[in-house]
Amino acid sequence: MSQYKSQVQNQFLSQARKKHMKVEVILETGSVLRGKLKAYDQFSISLSFKDKVEVVYKSSIIYISALPVLRPPMGGERRPYNRTSAPAPRSGGSFGTRRPEADAPVPEKRPFPD
């Protein structure tokens, strides 16, 4: 059984390393590490994040998951954000500018009956 576990583990780690996938590692302490998997062996993995490389023992890991790759939407160029435009005017529809609680009467404070 342990042979099967290590085979699945090695396949996942190998794929994550070869494809330069970002992974999230949850440790027993509750810490969360995110970065790219650089290397692994029987006892440890090494993650790189920015310019740092961290080596983590596998015995302290609860689980590892691959982070989704965020890609820009398909369909042409992205439009630049125009900071000079004024915000859209508010409609006078059902959403007013005043909160409905402001008009509600304030209940009278009375002591609890004994």
PDB file of N, CA and C in Angstrom:
ATOM      1  N   MET A   1       0.821  -1.194   0.000  1.00  0.00           N
ATOM      2  CA  MET A   1       0.000   0.000   0.000  1.00  0.00           C
ATOM      3  C   MET A   1       0.862   1.254   0.000  1.00  0.00           C
ATOM      4  N   SER A   2       1.955   1.261   0.782  1.00  0.00           N
ATOM      5  CA  SER A   2       2.809   2.445   0.821  1.00  0.00           C
ATOM      6  C   SER A   2       3.484   2.686  -0.528  1.00  0.00           C
ATOM      7  N   GLN A   3       3.723   1.616  -1.286  1.00  0.00           N
ATOM      8  CA  GLN A   3       4.290   1.767  -2.621  1.00  0.00           C
ATOM      9  C   GLN A   3       3.318   2.538  -3.504  1.00  0.00           C
ATOM     10  N   TYR A   4       2.023   2.229  -3.403  1.00  0.00           N
ATOM     11  CA  TYR A   4       1.004   2.911  -4.197  1.00  0.00           C
ATOM     12  C   TYR A   4       0.904   4.375  -3.787  1.00  0.00           C
ATOM     13  N   LYS A   5       0.918   4.646  -2.478  1.00  0.00           N
ATOM     14  CA  LYS A   5       0.835   6.027  -1.991  1.00  0.00           C
ATOM     15  C   LYS A   5       1.990   6.858  -2.526  1.00  0.00           C
ATOM     16  N   SER A   6       3.196   6.319  -2.442  1.00  0.00           N
ATOM     17  CA  SER A   6       4.348   7.096  -2.894  1.00  0.00           C
ATOM     18  C   SER A   6       4.324   7.285  -4.403  1.00  0.00           C
ATOM     19  N   GLN A   7       3.748   6.325  -5.140  1.00  0.00           N
ATOM     20  CA  GLN A   7       3.662   6.464  -6.586  1.00  0.00           C
ATOM     21  C   GLN A   7       2.721   7.612  -6.953  1.00  0.00           C
ATOM     22  N   VAL A   8       1.566   7.699  -6.310  1.00  0.00           N
ATOM     23  CA  VAL A   8       0.618   8.782  -6.566  1.00  0.00           C
ATOM     24  C   VAL A   8       1.238  10.115  -6.153  1.00  0.00           C
ATOM     25  N   GLN A   9       1.886  10.120  -5.010  1.00  0.00           N
ATOM     26  CA  GLN A   9       2.536  11.337  -4.516  1.00  0.00           C
ATOM     27  C   GLN A   9       3.619  11.792  -5.489  1.00  0.00           C
ATOM     28  N   ASN A  10       4.435  10.867  -5.943  1.00  0.00           N
ATOM     29  CA  ASN A  10       5.504  11.217  -6.876  1.00  0.00           C
ATOM     30  C   ASN A  10       4.959  11.725  -8.204  1.00  0.00           C
ATOM     31  N   GLN A  11       3.857  11.149  -8.678  1.00  0.00           N
ATOM     32  CA  GLN A  11       3.258  11.623  -9.928  1.00  0.00           C
ATOM     33  C   GLN A  11       2.775  13.063  -9.785  1.00  0.00           C
ATOM     34  N   PHE A  12       2.098  13.362  -8.687  1.00  0.00           N
ATOM     35  CA  PHE A  12       1.600  14.720  -8.465  1.00  0.00           C
ATOM     36  C   PHE A  12       2.757  15.708  -8.344  1.00  0.00           C
ATOM     37  N   LEU A  13       3.742  15.379  -7.511  1.00  0.00           N
ATOM     38  CA  LEU A  13       4.868  16.284  -7.302  1.00  0.00           C
ATOM     39  C   LEU A  13       5.688  16.468  -8.576  1.00  0.00           C
ATOM     40  N   SER A  14       5.857  15.401  -9.341  1.00  0.00           N
ATOM     41  CA  SER A  14       6.607  15.492 -10.588  1.00  0.00           C
ATOM     42  C   SER A  14       5.897  16.401 -11.587  1.00  0.00           C
ATOM     43  N   GLN A  15       4.589  16.235 -11.703  1.00  0.00           N
ATOM     44  CA  GLN A  15       3.813  17.073 -12.620  1.00  0.00           C
ATOM     45  C   GLN A  15       3.854  18.539 -12.176  1.00  0.00           C
ATOM     46  N   ALA A  16       3.713  18.777 -10.891  1.00  0.00           N
ATOM     47  CA  ALA A  16       3.743  20.150 -10.378  1.00  0.00           C
ATOM     48  C   ALA A  16       5.103  20.796 -10.625  1.00  0.00           C
ATOM     49  N   ARG A  17       6.165  20.038 -10.481  1.00  0.00           N
ATOM     50  CA  ARG A  17       7.511  20.586 -10.692  1.00  0.00           C
ATOM     51  C   ARG A  17       7.772  20.851 -12.167  1.00  0.00           C
ATOM     52  N   LYS A  18       7.426  19.886 -13.027  1.00  0.00           N
ATOM     53  CA  LYS A  18       7.704  20.029 -14.459  1.00  0.00           C
ATOM     54  C   LYS A  18       6.890  21.144 -15.107  1.00  0.00           C
ATOM     55  N   LYS A  19       5.656  21.325 -14.655  1.00  0.00           N
ATOM     56  CA  LYS A  19       4.781  22.351 -15.245  1.00  0.00           C
ATOM     57  C   LYS A  19       4.880  23.696 -14.529  1.00  0.00           C
ATOM     58  N   HIS A  20       5.790  23.791 -13.567  1.00  0.00           N
ATOM     59  CA  HIS A  20       5.993  25.032 -12.799  1.00  0.00           C
ATOM     60  C   HIS A  20       4.680  25.532 -12.194  1.00  0.00           C
ATOM     61  N   MET A  21       3.905  24.602 -11.665  1.00  0.00           N
ATOM     62  CA  MET A  21       2.610  24.942 -11.071  1.00  0.00           C
ATOM     63  C   MET A  21       2.810  25.565  -9.700  1.00  0.00           C
ATOM     64  N   LYS A  22       1.928  26.507  -9.359  1.00  0.00           N
ATOM     65  CA  LYS A  22       1.927  27.047  -8.005  1.00  0.00           C
ATOM     66  C   LYS A  22       1.126  26.096  -7.134  1.00  0.00           C
ATOM     67  N   VAL A  23       1.646  25.818  -5.955  1.00  0.00           N
ATOM     68  CA  VAL A  23       0.980  24.905  -5.035  1.00  0.00           C
ATOM     69  C   VAL A  23       0.765  25.591  -3.695  1.00  0.00           C
ATOM     70  N   GLU A  24      -0.189  25.059  -2.959  1.00  0.00           N
ATOM     71  CA  GLU A  24      -0.480  25.528  -1.611  1.00  0.00           C
ATOM     72  C   GLU A  24      -0.223  24.361  -0.674  1.00  0.00           C
ATOM     73  N   VAL A  25       0.595  24.595   0.336  1.00  0.00           N
ATOM     74  CA  VAL A  25       0.969  23.554   1.290  1.00  0.00           C
ATOM     75  C   VAL A  25       0.423  23.951   2.655  1.00  0.00           C
ATOM     76  N   ILE A  26      -0.379  23.073   3.256  1.00  0.00           N
ATOM     77  CA  ILE A  26      -0.922  23.303   4.589  1.00  0.00           C
ATOM     78  C   ILE A  26      -0.115  22.453   5.565  1.00  0.00           C
ATOM     79  N   LEU A  27       0.440  23.109   6.581  1.00  0.00           N
ATOM     80  CA  LEU A  27       1.264  22.414   7.567  1.00  0.00           C
ATOM     81  C   LEU A  27       0.453  22.058   8.806  1.00  0.00           C
ATOM     82  N   GLU A  28       0.988  21.165   9.618  1.00  0.00           N
ATOM     83  CA  GLU A  28       0.323  20.758  10.859  1.00  0.00           C
ATOM     84  C   GLU A  28       0.111  21.926  11.809  1.00  0.00           C
ATOM     85  N   THR A  29       0.959  22.928  11.734  1.00  0.00           N
ATOM     86  CA  THR A  29       0.840  24.096  12.610  1.00  0.00           C
ATOM     87  C   THR A  29      -0.283  25.028  12.183  1.00  0.00           C
ATOM     88  N   GLY A  30      -0.858  24.783  11.001  1.00  0.00           N
ATOM     89  CA  GLY A  30      -1.897  25.655  10.470  1.00  0.00           C
ATOM     90  C   GLY A  30      -1.348  26.675   9.494  1.00  0.00           C
ATOM     91  N   SER A  31      -0.045  26.732   9.346  1.00  0.00           N
ATOM     92  CA  SER A  31       0.572  27.671   8.406  1.00  0.00           C
ATOM     93  C   SER A  31       0.267  27.256   6.977  1.00  0.00           C
ATOM     94  N   VAL A  32       0.151  28.247   6.125  1.00  0.00           N
ATOM     95  CA  VAL A  32      -0.100  28.005   4.707  1.00  0.00           C
ATOM     96  C   VAL A  32       1.081  28.563   3.926  1.00  0.00           C
ATOM     97  N   LEU A  33       1.682  27.729   3.099  1.00  0.00           N
ATOM     98  CA  LEU A  33       2.781  28.151   2.236  1.00  0.00           C
ATOM     99  C   LEU A  33       2.319  28.056   0.795  1.00  0.00           C
ATOM    100  N   ARG A  34       2.622  29.085   0.012  1.00  0.00           N
ATOM    101  CA  ARG A  34       2.283  29.073  -1.408  1.00  0.00           C
ATOM    102  C   ARG A  34       3.547  29.364  -2.197  1.00  0.00           C
ATOM    103  N   GLY A  35       3.706  28.658  -3.288  1.00  0.00           N
ATOM    104  CA  GLY A  35       4.872  28.891  -4.126  1.00  0.00           C
ATOM    105  C   GLY A  35       4.975  27.827  -5.199  1.00  0.00           C
ATOM    106  N   LYS A  36       6.069  27.870  -5.934  1.00  0.00           N
ATOM    107  CA  LYS A  36       6.317  26.879  -6.980  1.00  0.00           C
ATOM    108  C   LYS A  36       7.200  25.777  -6.410  1.00  0.00           C
ATOM    109  N   LEU A  37       6.858  24.559  -6.747  1.00  0.00           N
ATOM    110  CA  LEU A  37       7.623  23.406  -6.287  1.00  0.00           C
ATOM    111  C   LEU A  37       8.908  23.317  -7.104  1.00  0.00           C
ATOM    112  N   LYS A  38      10.043  23.421  -6.438  1.00  0.00           N
ATOM    113  CA  LYS A  38      11.330  23.381  -7.132  1.00  0.00           C
ATOM    114  C   LYS A  38      11.926  21.982  -7.142  1.00  0.00           C
ATOM    115  N   ALA A  39      11.828  21.285  -6.019  1.00  0.00           N
ATOM    116  CA  ALA A  39      12.422  19.953  -5.923  1.00  0.00           C
ATOM    117  C   ALA A  39      11.741  19.189  -4.803  1.00  0.00           C
ATOM    118  N   TYR A  40      11.922  17.880  -4.823  1.00  0.00           N
ATOM    119  CA  TYR A  40      11.386  17.033  -3.758  1.00  0.00           C
ATOM    120  C   TYR A  40      12.213  15.762  -3.688  1.00  0.00           C
ATOM    121  N   ASP A  41      12.191  15.149  -2.526  1.00  0.00           N
ATOM    122  CA  ASP A  41      12.823  13.846  -2.352  1.00  0.00           C
ATOM    123  C   ASP A  41      11.930  13.016  -1.437  1.00  0.00           C
ATOM    124  N   GLN A  42      12.472  11.962  -0.888  1.00  0.00           N
ATOM    125  CA  GLN A  42      11.681  11.053  -0.065  1.00  0.00           C
ATOM    126  C   GLN A  42      11.161  11.724   1.206  1.00  0.00           C
ATOM    127  N   PHE A  43      11.899  12.703   1.734  1.00  0.00           N
ATOM    128  CA  PHE A  43      11.549  13.278   3.030  1.00  0.00           C
ATOM    129  C   PHE A  43      11.136  14.746   3.009  1.00  0.00           C
ATOM    130  N   SER A  44      11.429  15.477   1.947  1.00  0.00           N
ATOM    131  CA  SER A  44      11.167  16.918   1.962  1.00  0.00           C
ATOM    132  C   SER A  44      10.785  17.440   0.586  1.00  0.00           C
ATOM    133  N   ILE A  45      10.250  18.665   0.581  1.00  0.00           N
ATOM    134  CA  ILE A  45       9.985  19.383  -0.660  1.00  0.00           C
ATOM    135  C   ILE A  45      10.589  20.778  -0.510  1.00  0.00           C
ATOM    136  N   SER A  46      10.924  21.390  -1.633  1.00  0.00           N
ATOM    137  CA  SER A  46      11.394  22.774  -1.579  1.00  0.00           C
ATOM    138  C   SER A  46      10.484  23.633  -2.445  1.00  0.00           C
ATOM    139  N   LEU A  47      10.042  24.736  -1.857  1.00  0.00           N
ATOM    140  CA  LEU A  47       9.153  25.681  -2.524  1.00  0.00           C
ATOM    141  C   LEU A  47       9.888  26.984  -2.739  1.00  0.00           C
ATOM    142  N   SER A  48       9.638  27.627  -3.875  1.00  0.00           N
ATOM    143  CA  SER A  48      10.204  28.957  -4.085  1.00  0.00           C
ATOM    144  C   SER A  48       9.068  29.956  -4.187  1.00  0.00           C
ATOM    145  N   PHE A  49       9.256  31.086  -3.518  1.00  0.00           N
ATOM    146  CA  PHE A  49       8.294  32.174  -3.552  1.00  0.00           C
ATOM    147  C   PHE A  49       9.094  33.460  -3.610  1.00  0.00           C
ATOM    148  N   LYS A  50       8.874  34.225  -4.668  1.00  0.00           N
ATOM    149  CA  LYS A  50       9.678  35.425  -4.937  1.00  0.00           C
ATOM    150  C   LYS A  50      11.136  34.995  -5.010  1.00  0.00           C
ATOM    151  N   ASP A  51      11.988  35.494  -4.139  1.00  0.00           N
ATOM    152  CA  ASP A  51      13.405  35.126  -4.193  1.00  0.00           C
ATOM    153  C   ASP A  51      13.811  34.167  -3.086  1.00  0.00           C
ATOM    154  N   LYS A  52      12.845  33.639  -2.349  1.00  0.00           N
ATOM    155  CA  LYS A  52      13.142  32.744  -1.232  1.00  0.00           C
ATOM    156  C   LYS A  52      12.884  31.294  -1.623  1.00  0.00           C
ATOM    157  N   VAL A  53      13.651  30.404  -1.030  1.00  0.00           N
ATOM    158  CA  VAL A  53      13.427  28.967  -1.182  1.00  0.00           C
ATOM    159  C   VAL A  53      13.269  28.395   0.216  1.00  0.00           C
ATOM    160  N   GLU A  54      12.182  27.654   0.420  1.00  0.00           N
ATOM    161  CA  GLU A  54      11.926  27.046   1.724  1.00  0.00           C
ATOM    162  C   GLU A  54      11.890  25.539   1.569  1.00  0.00           C
ATOM    163  N   VAL A  55      12.534  24.849   2.485  1.00  0.00           N
ATOM    164  CA  VAL A  55      12.524  23.390   2.514  1.00  0.00           C
ATOM    165  C   VAL A  55      11.612  22.961   3.653  1.00  0.00           C
ATOM    166  N   VAL A  56      10.656  22.083   3.336  1.00  0.00           N
ATOM    167  CA  VAL A  56       9.667  21.635   4.314  1.00  0.00           C
ATOM    168  C   VAL A  56       9.709  20.117   4.372  1.00  0.00           C
ATOM    169  N   TYR A  57       9.745  19.572   5.579  1.00  0.00           N
ATOM    170  CA  TYR A  57       9.683  18.123   5.734  1.00  0.00           C
ATOM    171  C   TYR A  57       8.272  17.634   5.425  1.00  0.00           C
ATOM    172  N   LYS A  58       8.183  16.540   4.702  1.00  0.00           N
ATOM    173  CA  LYS A  58       6.877  15.981   4.352  1.00  0.00           C
ATOM    174  C   LYS A  58       6.100  15.544   5.587  1.00  0.00           C
ATOM    175  N   SER A  59       6.789  15.181   6.645  1.00  0.00           N
ATOM    176  CA  SER A  59       6.102  14.725   7.857  1.00  0.00           C
ATOM    177  C   SER A  59       5.310  15.842   8.527  1.00  0.00           C
ATOM    178  N   SER A  60       5.602  17.105   8.203  1.00  0.00           N
ATOM    179  CA  SER A  60       4.864  18.225   8.799  1.00  0.00           C
ATOM    180  C   SER A  60       3.746  18.738   7.898  1.00  0.00           C
ATOM    181  N   ILE A  61       3.551  18.099   6.746  1.00  0.00           N
ATOM    182  CA  ILE A  61       2.543  18.554   5.780  1.00  0.00           C
ATOM    183  C   ILE A  61       1.241  17.800   5.988  1.00  0.00           C
ATOM    184  N   ILE A  62       0.131  18.547   6.022  1.00  0.00           N
ATOM    185  CA  ILE A  62      -1.191  17.920   6.061  1.00  0.00           C
ATOM    186  C   ILE A  62      -1.623  17.595   4.640  1.00  0.00           C
ATOM    187  N   TYR A  63      -1.610  18.612   3.762  1.00  0.00           N
ATOM    188  CA  TYR A  63      -1.916  18.338   2.362  1.00  0.00           C
ATOM    189  C   TYR A  63      -1.306  19.385   1.452  1.00  0.00           C
ATOM    190  N   ILE A  64      -1.218  19.024   0.171  1.00  0.00           N
ATOM    191  CA  ILE A  64      -0.706  19.909  -0.877  1.00  0.00           C
ATOM    192  C   ILE A  64      -1.769  19.972  -1.961  1.00  0.00           C
ATOM    193  N   SER A  65      -2.066  21.166  -2.439  1.00  0.00           N
ATOM    194  CA  SER A  65      -3.011  21.292  -3.546  1.00  0.00           C
ATOM    195  C   SER A  65      -2.447  22.248  -4.581  1.00  0.00           C
ATOM    196  N   ALA A  66      -2.788  21.993  -5.831  1.00  0.00           N
ATOM    197  CA  ALA A  66      -2.362  22.865  -6.921  1.00  0.00           C
ATOM    198  C   ALA A  66      -3.294  24.069  -6.972  1.00  0.00           C
ATOM    199  N   LEU A  67      -2.718  25.248  -7.092  1.00  0.00           N
ATOM    200  CA  LEU A  67      -3.526  26.457  -7.193  1.00  0.00           C
ATOM    201  C   LEU A  67      -3.977  26.636  -8.634  1.00  0.00           C
ATOM    202  N   PRO A  68      -5.198  27.141  -8.840  1.00  0.00           N
ATOM    203  CA  PRO A  68      -5.676  27.329 -10.208  1.00  0.00           C
ATOM    204  C   PRO A  68      -4.880  28.421 -10.920  1.00  0.00           C
ATOM    205  N   VAL A  69      -4.718  28.234 -12.211  1.00  0.00           N
ATOM    206  CA  VAL A  69      -4.016  29.218 -13.025  1.00  0.00           C
ATOM    207  C   VAL A  69      -5.037  30.241 -13.493  1.00  0.00           C
ATOM    208  N   LEU A  70      -4.796  31.503 -13.184  1.00  0.00           N
ATOM    209  CA  LEU A  70      -5.702  32.561 -13.601  1.00  0.00           C
ATOM    210  C   LEU A  70      -5.223  33.123 -14.927  1.00  0.00           C
ATOM    211  N   ARG A  71      -6.075  33.008 -15.932  1.00  0.00           N
ATOM    212  CA  ARG A  71      -5.733  33.500 -17.259  1.00  0.00           C
ATOM    213  C   ARG A  71      -6.645  34.668 -17.607  1.00  0.00           C
ATOM    214  N   PRO A  72      -6.156  35.616 -18.402  1.00  0.00           N
ATOM    215  CA  PRO A  72      -7.031  36.716 -18.804  1.00  0.00           C
ATOM    216  C   PRO A  72      -8.158  36.196 -19.682  1.00  0.00           C
ATOM    217  N   PRO A  73      -9.314  36.853 -19.686  1.00  0.00           N
ATOM    218  CA  PRO A  73     -10.436  36.377 -20.487  1.00  0.00           C
ATOM    219  C   PRO A  73     -10.119  36.421 -21.973  1.00  0.00           C
ATOM    220  N   MET A  74     -10.653  35.468 -22.693  1.00  0.00           N
ATOM    221  CA  MET A  74     -10.452  35.397 -24.137  1.00  0.00           C
ATOM    222  C   MET A  74     -11.383  36.396 -24.813  1.00  0.00           C
ATOM    223  N   GLY A  75     -11.050  36.781 -26.024  1.00  0.00           N
ATOM    224  CA  GLY A  75     -11.964  37.633 -26.772  1.00  0.00           C
ATOM    225  C   GLY A  75     -11.420  39.024 -27.016  1.00  0.00           C
ATOM    226  N   GLY A  76     -10.239  39.116 -27.556  1.00  0.00           N
ATOM    227  CA  GLY A  76      -9.732  40.421 -27.935  1.00  0.00           C
ATOM    228  C   GLY A  76      -8.917  41.091 -26.858  1.00  0.00           C
ATOM    229  N   GLU A  77      -8.634  42.344 -27.130  1.00  0.00           N
ATOM    230  CA  GLU A  77      -7.807  43.107 -26.205  1.00  0.00           C
ATOM    231  C   GLU A  77      -8.589  43.530 -24.983  1.00  0.00           C
ATOM    232  N   ARG A  78      -7.866  43.743 -23.931  1.00  0.00           N
ATOM    233  CA  ARG A  78      -8.482  44.279 -22.721  1.00  0.00           C
ATOM    234  C   ARG A  78      -8.568  45.783 -22.869  1.00  0.00           C
ATOM    235  N   ARG A  79      -9.681  46.334 -22.449  1.00  0.00           N
ATOM    236  CA  ARG A  79      -9.834  47.780 -22.520  1.00  0.00           C
ATOM    237  C   ARG A  79      -9.127  48.412 -21.333  1.00  0.00           C
ATOM    238  N   PRO A  80      -8.432  49.520 -21.561  1.00  0.00           N
ATOM    239  CA  PRO A  80      -7.776  50.177 -20.427  1.00  0.00           C
ATOM    240  C   PRO A  80      -8.797  50.832 -19.515  1.00  0.00           C
ATOM    241  N   TYR A  81      -8.470  50.910 -18.268  1.00  0.00           N
ATOM    242  CA  TYR A  81      -9.342  51.540 -17.289  1.00  0.00           C
ATOM    243  C   TYR A  81      -9.204  53.043 -17.437  1.00  0.00           C
ATOM    244  N   ASN A  82     -10.329  53.720 -17.627  1.00  0.00           N
ATOM    245  CA  ASN A  82     -10.326  55.157 -17.833  1.00  0.00           C
ATOM    246  C   ASN A  82     -10.577  55.848 -16.506  1.00  0.00           C
ATOM    247  N   ARG A  83      -9.565  56.423 -15.920  1.00  0.00           N
ATOM    248  CA  ARG A  83      -9.699  57.068 -14.621  1.00  0.00           C
ATOM    249  C   ARG A  83     -10.298  58.464 -14.711  1.00  0.00           C
ATOM    250  N   THR A  84     -10.375  59.031 -15.896  1.00  0.00           N
ATOM    251  CA  THR A  84     -10.870  60.401 -16.016  1.00  0.00           C
ATOM    252  C   THR A  84     -12.384  60.469 -16.101  1.00  0.00           C
ATOM    253  N   SER A  85     -13.041  59.352 -16.324  1.00  0.00           N
ATOM    254  CA  SER A  85     -14.495  59.393 -16.462  1.00  0.00           C
ATOM    255  C   SER A  85     -15.159  59.548 -15.098  1.00  0.00           C
ATOM    256  N   ALA A  86     -16.297  60.222 -15.099  1.00  0.00           N
ATOM    257  CA  ALA A  86     -17.054  60.439 -13.866  1.00  0.00           C
ATOM    258  C   ALA A  86     -17.847  59.188 -13.538  1.00  0.00           C
ATOM    259  N   PRO A  87     -18.151  58.951 -12.273  1.00  0.00           N
ATOM    260  CA  PRO A  87     -18.957  57.784 -11.929  1.00  0.00           C
ATOM    261  C   PRO A  87     -20.371  57.916 -12.481  1.00  0.00           C
ATOM    262  N   ALA A  88     -21.008  56.791 -12.698  1.00  0.00           N
ATOM    263  CA  ALA A  88     -22.369  56.785 -13.228  1.00  0.00           C
ATOM    264  C   ALA A  88     -23.314  57.427 -12.222  1.00  0.00           C
ATOM    265  N   PRO A  89     -24.298  58.207 -12.693  1.00  0.00           N
ATOM    266  CA  PRO A  89     -25.235  58.837 -11.756  1.00  0.00           C
ATOM    267  C   PRO A  89     -26.113  57.794 -11.095  1.00  0.00           C
ATOM    268  N   ARG A  90     -26.515  58.065  -9.858  1.00  0.00           N
ATOM    269  CA  ARG A  90     -27.388  57.150  -9.130  1.00  0.00           C
ATOM    270  C   ARG A  90     -28.813  57.326  -9.613  1.00  0.00           C
ATOM    271  N   SER A  91     -29.494  56.229  -9.724  1.00  0.00           N
ATOM    272  CA  SER A  91     -30.893  56.305 -10.136  1.00  0.00           C
ATOM    273  C   SER A  91     -31.757  56.611  -8.921  1.00  0.00           C
ATOM    274  N   GLY A  92     -32.909  57.200  -9.157  1.00  0.00           N
ATOM    275  CA  GLY A  92     -33.819  57.513  -8.061  1.00  0.00           C
ATOM    276  C   GLY A  92     -34.820  56.400  -7.845  1.00  0.00           C
ATOM    277  N   GLY A  93     -34.502  55.184  -8.263  1.00  0.00           N
ATOM    278  CA  GLY A  93     -35.421  54.053  -8.167  1.00  0.00           C
ATOM    279  C   GLY A  93     -35.609  53.580  -6.744  1.00  0.00           C
ATOM    280  N   SER A  94     -35.709  52.284  -6.579  1.00  0.00           N
ATOM    281  CA  SER A  94     -36.016  51.721  -5.269  1.00  0.00           C
ATOM    282  C   SER A  94     -34.861  51.865  -4.286  1.00  0.00           C
ATOM    283  N   PHE A  95     -33.666  52.112  -4.780  1.00  0.00           N
ATOM    284  CA  PHE A  95     -32.540  52.294  -3.885  1.00  0.00           C
ATOM    285  C   PHE A  95     -32.366  53.778  -3.610  1.00  0.00           C
ATOM    286  N   GLY A  96     -32.805  54.214  -2.457  1.00  0.00           N
ATOM    287  CA  GLY A  96     -32.673  55.616  -2.088  1.00  0.00           C
ATOM    288  C   GLY A  96     -31.335  55.869  -1.442  1.00  0.00           C
ATOM    289  N   THR A  97     -31.082  57.114  -1.152  1.00  0.00           N
ATOM    290  CA  THR A  97     -29.817  57.455  -0.517  1.00  0.00           C
ATOM    291  C   THR A  97     -29.911  57.345   0.992  1.00  0.00           C
ATOM    292  N   ARG A  98     -31.136  57.345   1.532  1.00  0.00           N
ATOM    293  CA  ARG A  98     -31.303  57.236   2.982  1.00  0.00           C
ATOM    294  C   ARG A  98     -31.620  55.807   3.361  1.00  0.00           C
ATOM    295  N   ARG A  99     -31.158  55.419   4.514  1.00  0.00           N
ATOM    296  CA  ARG A  99     -31.450  54.079   5.006  1.00  0.00           C
ATOM    297  C   ARG A  99     -32.848  54.077   5.595  1.00  0.00           C
ATOM    298  N   PRO A 100     -33.625  53.009   5.430  1.00  0.00           N
ATOM    299  CA  PRO A 100     -34.984  52.980   5.969  1.00  0.00           C
ATOM    300  C   PRO A 100     -35.015  53.010   7.492  1.00  0.00           C
ATOM    301  N   GLU A 101     -33.940  52.551   8.160  1.00  0.00           N
ATOM    302  CA  GLU A 101     -33.936  52.549   9.618  1.00  0.00           C
ATOM    303  C   GLU A 101     -33.919  53.964  10.182  1.00  0.00           C
ATOM    304  N   ALA A 102     -33.466  54.931   9.418  1.00  0.00           N
ATOM    305  CA  ALA A 102     -33.355  56.297   9.924  1.00  0.00           C
ATOM    306  C   ALA A 102     -34.731  56.897  10.205  1.00  0.00           C
ATOM    307  N   ASP A 103     -35.768  56.475   9.482  1.00  0.00           N
ATOM    308  CA  ASP A 103     -37.114  57.009   9.671  1.00  0.00           C
ATOM    309  C   ASP A 103     -37.915  56.222  10.703  1.00  0.00           C
ATOM    310  N   ALA A 104     -37.436  55.072  11.092  1.00  0.00           N
ATOM    311  CA  ALA A 104     -38.188  54.228  12.023  1.00  0.00           C
ATOM    312  C   ALA A 104     -38.174  54.856  13.418  1.00  0.00           C
ATOM    313  N   PRO A 105     -39.287  54.745  14.153  1.00  0.00           N
ATOM    314  CA  PRO A 105     -39.318  55.305  15.507  1.00  0.00           C
ATOM    315  C   PRO A 105     -38.414  54.499  16.438  1.00  0.00           C
ATOM    316  N   VAL A 106     -37.819  55.169  17.391  1.00  0.00           N
ATOM    317  CA  VAL A 106     -36.936  54.526  18.363  1.00  0.00           C
ATOM    318  C   VAL A 106     -37.803  53.957  19.474  1.00  0.00           C
ATOM    319  N   PRO A 107     -37.700  52.653  19.787  1.00  0.00           N
ATOM    320  CA  PRO A 107     -38.537  52.077  20.838  1.00  0.00           C
ATOM    321  C   PRO A 107     -38.178  52.651  22.209  1.00  0.00           C
ATOM    322  N   GLU A 108     -39.188  52.740  23.029  1.00  0.00           N
ATOM    323  CA  GLU A 108     -39.015  53.279  24.378  1.00  0.00           C
ATOM    324  C   GLU A 108     -38.318  52.244  25.248  1.00  0.00           C
ATOM    325  N   LYS A 109     -37.350  52.679  26.064  1.00  0.00           N
ATOM    326  CA  LYS A 109     -36.627  51.759  26.943  1.00  0.00           C
ATOM    327  C   LYS A 109     -37.413  51.603  28.235  1.00  0.00           C
ATOM    328  N   ARG A 110     -37.779  50.359  28.538  1.00  0.00           N
ATOM    329  CA  ARG A 110     -38.503  50.060  29.775  1.00  0.00           C
ATOM    330  C   ARG A 110     -37.770  48.957  30.515  1.00  0.00           C
ATOM    331  N   PRO A 111     -37.789  48.984  31.832  1.00  0.00           N
ATOM    332  CA  PRO A 111     -37.152  47.894  32.584  1.00  0.00           C
ATOM    333  C   PRO A 111     -37.978  46.617  32.455  1.00  0.00           C
ATOM    334  N   PHE A 112     -37.297  45.477  32.603  1.00  0.00           N
ATOM    335  CA  PHE A 112     -37.993  44.198  32.551  1.00  0.00           C
ATOM    336  C   PHE A 112     -38.894  44.049  33.775  1.00  0.00           C
ATOM    337  N   PRO A 113     -40.099  43.461  33.608  1.00  0.00           N
ATOM    338  CA  PRO A 113     -40.974  43.236  34.771  1.00  0.00           C
ATOM    339  C   PRO A 113     -40.393  42.150  35.667  1.00  0.00           C
ATOM    340  N   ASP A 114     -40.612  42.288  36.954  1.00  0.00           N
ATOM    341  CA  ASP A 114     -40.116  41.292  37.907  1.00  0.00           C
ATOM    342  C   ASP A 114     -41.047  40.124  38.023  1.00  0.00           C
TER     343      ASP A 114
END
